[in-house]
Amino acid sequence: RTTQRRLQRSGTNFRTELNLVRHELASSYLRDPRLQIVDIALLLGYSEHSAFTRAFREWTGKTPKQARSEFI
């Protein structure tokens, strides 16, 4: 509860901060060609590849596959 209050005072919340970290990690992981997209989804805590793809598209307007092709 304390963390929740502190985040609220800072004008954010846990879900927002979690998504920021997931977005940063996803971008980093997509640069590694050894990791498959489904593995990246699991590393980020998504239960399904499709949920990760949906979230990534909301963050960037691109699918993880499209972003990966730009990184590599």
Protein backbone atom coordinates (compact mmCIF):
# COMPACT_ATOMS: atom_id res chain seq x y z
CA ARG A 1 0.00 0.00 0.00
CA THR A 2 2.87 2.38 0.76
CA THR A 3 4.34 1.86 -2.69
CA GLN A 4 0.96 2.51 -4.24
CA ARG A 5 0.63 5.82 -2.38
CA ARG A 6 4.16 6.89 -3.36
CA LEU A 7 3.55 6.07 -6.99
CA GLN A 8 0.25 7.97 -6.89
CA ARG A 9 2.00 11.02 -5.40
CA SER A 10 4.46 10.84 -8.30
CA GLY A 11 1.59 10.80 -10.78
CA THR A 12 1.95 7.20 -11.91
CA ASN A 13 0.90 3.70 -10.93
CA PHE A 14 2.30 0.19 -10.88
CA ARG A 15 0.78 -0.83 -14.23
CA THR A 16 2.26 2.19 -16.00
CA GLU A 17 5.72 1.57 -14.53
CA LEU A 18 5.51 -2.15 -15.36
CA ASN A 19 4.67 -1.36 -18.97
CA LEU A 20 7.58 1.09 -19.23
CA VAL A 21 10.02 -1.55 -18.01
CA ARG A 22 8.50 -4.21 -20.26
CA HIS A 23 8.79 -1.90 -23.27
CA GLU A 24 12.45 -1.15 -22.57
CA LEU A 25 13.29 -4.82 -22.01
CA ALA A 26 11.34 -5.90 -25.10
CA SER A 27 13.32 -3.50 -27.27
CA SER A 28 16.55 -4.84 -25.83
CA TYR A 29 15.53 -8.50 -26.19
CA LEU A 30 14.40 -8.01 -29.79
CA ARG A 31 17.93 -6.96 -30.70
CA ASP A 32 19.16 -10.43 -29.72
CA PRO A 33 18.52 -12.77 -32.68
CA ARG A 34 18.99 -15.82 -30.45
CA LEU A 35 15.73 -15.09 -28.64
CA GLN A 36 12.48 -16.06 -30.30
CA ILE A 37 9.54 -13.71 -29.90
CA VAL A 38 7.57 -16.28 -27.92
CA ASP A 39 10.53 -16.56 -25.50
CA ILE A 40 10.63 -12.77 -25.13
CA ALA A 41 6.92 -12.77 -24.28
CA LEU A 42 7.53 -15.32 -21.53
CA LEU A 43 10.57 -13.44 -20.20
CA LEU A 44 8.42 -10.31 -19.88
CA GLY A 45 5.71 -12.14 -17.96
CA TYR A 46 3.12 -12.56 -20.69
CA SER A 47 1.29 -15.87 -20.69
CA GLU A 48 0.81 -15.82 -24.45
CA HIS A 49 2.67 -14.56 -27.50
CA SER A 50 -0.46 -12.76 -28.70
CA ALA A 51 -0.78 -10.68 -25.52
CA PHE A 52 2.82 -9.50 -25.92
CA THR A 53 2.26 -8.70 -29.60
CA ARG A 54 -0.84 -6.66 -28.74
CA ALA A 55 0.97 -4.72 -26.00
CA PHE A 56 4.02 -4.10 -28.19
CA ARG A 57 1.82 -2.79 -30.99
CA GLU A 58 0.16 -0.39 -28.52
CA TRP A 59 3.58 0.89 -27.39
CA THR A 60 5.18 1.27 -30.81
CA GLY A 61 2.58 0.90 -33.55
CA LYS A 62 4.55 -2.08 -34.88
CA THR A 63 4.58 -5.79 -34.26
CA PRO A 64 7.61 -7.29 -32.52
CA LYS A 65 8.55 -8.96 -35.80
CA GLN A 66 8.52 -5.63 -37.65
CA ALA A 67 10.58 -3.97 -34.93
CA ARG A 68 13.08 -6.82 -34.91
CA SER A 69 13.62 -6.49 -38.66
CA GLU A 70 14.49 -2.81 -38.13
CA PHE A 71 16.93 -3.60 -35.29
CA ILE A 72 18.85 -6.32 -37.10
